[in-house]
């Protein structure tokens, strides 16, 4: 399955190890993750070399091509919110997860779209099986 993984880049990278664990788990399960590089610690330098227009065009194309979008939303990000809205507009299944102790936008928490699943998690041991369950139903 082609999965668009969305996470904060410029909003903060304190959850980078969580991003990496999610992406590695998805890849080990055989999924294609065009945004896998977002989980790497050196992404800021790599993305700096690309113009905003190129990032926009690339990311919109990837969202259009994906079978589902998985977003880690513990750290607020304009880009992640945009990608979630675009995926939902395109009728893609979307899984948003966040660390249970974090505040998340009411625009995500209050969205009643049948294509959106929002999940607060306590640990990776709690989260990863929930992602697997989500993908089984896509």
Protein backbone atom coordinates (compact mmCIF):
# COMPACT_ATOMS: atom_id res chain seq x y z
CA UNK A 1 0.00 0.00 0.00
CA UNK A 2 1.19 3.54 -0.75
CA UNK A 3 0.99 5.51 2.51
CA UNK A 4 1.67 9.21 2.89
CA UNK A 5 3.26 9.75 6.31
CA UNK A 6 2.82 13.29 7.60
CA UNK A 7 4.62 14.88 10.55
CA UNK A 8 5.99 18.20 11.74
CA UNK A 9 9.17 19.50 10.17
CA UNK A 10 9.45 23.22 10.85
CA UNK A 11 7.02 23.15 13.80
CA UNK A 12 9.44 21.05 15.85
CA UNK A 13 11.35 17.78 15.65
CA UNK A 14 11.14 16.59 19.27
CA UNK A 15 9.15 13.53 18.15
CA UNK A 16 11.55 12.47 15.41
CA UNK A 17 12.21 9.08 17.01
CA UNK A 18 8.46 8.37 17.06
CA UNK A 19 8.24 9.33 13.38
CA UNK A 20 11.13 7.01 12.58
CA UNK A 21 9.57 4.09 14.46
CA UNK A 22 6.26 4.53 12.62
CA UNK A 23 7.91 4.72 9.20
CA UNK A 24 10.22 1.76 9.84
CA UNK A 25 7.27 -0.35 11.02
CA UNK A 26 5.28 0.54 7.90
CA UNK A 27 8.21 -0.24 5.61
CA UNK A 28 8.88 -3.58 7.33
CA UNK A 29 5.24 -4.48 6.66
CA UNK A 30 5.89 -3.89 2.95
CA UNK A 31 4.23 -0.52 2.52
CA UNK A 32 5.60 2.19 0.21
CA UNK A 33 6.21 5.45 2.08
CA UNK A 34 7.17 8.27 -0.33
CA UNK A 35 7.66 10.59 2.66
CA UNK A 36 9.90 8.23 4.63
CA UNK A 37 12.68 10.83 4.59
CA UNK A 38 10.55 13.05 6.86
CA UNK A 39 11.31 10.67 9.71
CA UNK A 40 15.08 11.16 9.39
CA UNK A 41 16.99 13.51 11.66
CA UNK A 42 18.67 15.29 8.71
CA UNK A 43 15.44 16.30 6.95
CA UNK A 44 15.78 20.03 7.69
CA UNK A 45 18.95 20.29 5.63
CA UNK A 46 17.54 18.25 2.76
CA UNK A 47 14.28 20.20 2.59
CA UNK A 48 16.17 23.53 2.70
CA UNK A 49 17.60 22.73 -0.73
CA UNK A 50 14.12 22.49 -2.29
CA UNK A 51 11.97 25.51 -3.15
CA UNK A 52 8.58 25.95 -1.48
CA UNK A 53 6.86 25.52 -4.87
CA UNK A 54 8.66 22.21 -5.45
CA UNK A 55 7.72 20.95 -1.97
CA UNK A 56 4.09 21.93 -2.53
CA UNK A 57 3.85 20.29 -5.96
CA UNK A 58 5.64 17.14 -4.80
CA UNK A 59 3.63 16.72 -1.61
CA UNK A 60 0.25 17.39 -3.27
CA UNK A 61 1.12 14.81 -5.95
CA UNK A 62 2.08 12.27 -3.28
CA UNK A 63 -1.16 12.84 -1.34
CA UNK A 64 -3.15 12.39 -4.56
CA UNK A 65 -1.28 9.14 -5.31
CA UNK A 66 -1.50 7.61 -1.81
CA UNK A 67 -3.93 4.96 -0.66
CA UNK A 68 -4.03 6.40 2.88
CA UNK A 69 -2.47 9.14 4.99
CA UNK A 70 -1.04 8.63 8.46
CA UNK A 71 -0.24 11.78 10.44
CA UNK A 72 1.48 12.16 13.78
CA UNK A 73 -0.07 15.39 15.09
CA UNK A 74 1.44 15.80 18.57
CA UNK A 75 3.42 18.82 17.32
CA UNK A 76 1.29 21.47 15.58
CA UNK A 77 2.14 22.01 11.91
CA UNK A 78 0.41 24.06 9.20
CA UNK A 79 1.66 21.65 6.54
CA UNK A 80 0.36 18.57 8.31
CA UNK A 81 -3.06 20.17 8.73
CA UNK A 82 -3.09 21.09 5.05
CA UNK A 83 -2.16 17.54 4.03
CA UNK A 84 -4.87 16.04 6.26
CA UNK A 85 -7.51 18.36 4.81
CA UNK A 86 -6.38 17.61 1.25
CA UNK A 87 -6.48 13.85 1.84
CA UNK A 88 -9.96 14.06 3.35
CA UNK A 89 -11.15 16.25 0.46
CA UNK A 90 -9.87 13.53 -1.89
CA UNK A 91 -11.77 10.88 0.13
CA UNK A 92 -8.59 9.19 1.34
CA UNK A 93 -8.60 7.32 4.66
CA UNK A 94 -6.69 9.32 7.27
CA UNK A 95 -5.26 8.16 10.61
CA UNK A 96 -4.16 10.93 12.99
CA UNK A 97 -2.32 9.96 16.13
CA UNK A 98 -1.01 12.02 18.99
CA UNK A 99 0.62 11.52 22.35
CA UNK A 100 -2.12 11.35 24.96
CA UNK A 101 -0.71 14.26 27.00
CA UNK A 102 -0.56 16.71 24.05
CA UNK A 103 -3.12 19.30 23.05
CA UNK A 104 -4.40 18.87 19.50
CA UNK A 105 -6.34 21.25 17.30
CA UNK A 106 -10.11 21.07 17.65
CA UNK A 107 -10.24 21.18 13.84
CA UNK A 108 -8.87 17.63 13.93
CA UNK A 109 -10.54 16.42 17.12
CA UNK A 110 -13.93 17.78 16.08
CA UNK A 111 -13.89 16.47 12.51
CA UNK A 112 -16.60 13.86 12.07
CA UNK A 113 -15.52 12.65 8.63
CA UNK A 114 -16.04 8.90 8.27
CA UNK A 115 -12.61 8.77 6.59
CA UNK A 116 -10.82 10.13 9.68
CA UNK A 117 -9.66 8.16 12.70
CA UNK A 118 -8.02 10.11 15.52
CA UNK A 119 -6.13 8.13 18.13
CA UNK A 120 -4.42 9.32 21.34
CA UNK A 121 -1.63 6.91 22.27
CA UNK A 122 0.39 6.24 25.41
CA UNK A 123 3.40 4.53 23.83
CA UNK A 124 4.62 3.03 20.57
CA UNK A 125 3.53 -0.37 21.89
CA UNK A 126 0.02 1.05 22.07
CA UNK A 127 0.17 2.95 18.75
CA UNK A 128 1.73 0.54 16.26
CA UNK A 129 -0.95 -2.18 16.53
CA UNK A 130 -3.64 0.50 16.12
CA UNK A 131 -2.00 1.65 12.86
CA UNK A 132 -1.96 -1.98 11.66
CA UNK A 133 -5.69 -2.27 12.47
CA UNK A 134 -6.42 0.94 10.59
CA UNK A 135 -4.58 -0.29 7.49
CA UNK A 136 -6.43 -3.62 7.54
CA UNK A 137 -9.65 -1.67 7.09
CA UNK A 138 -8.45 0.62 4.29
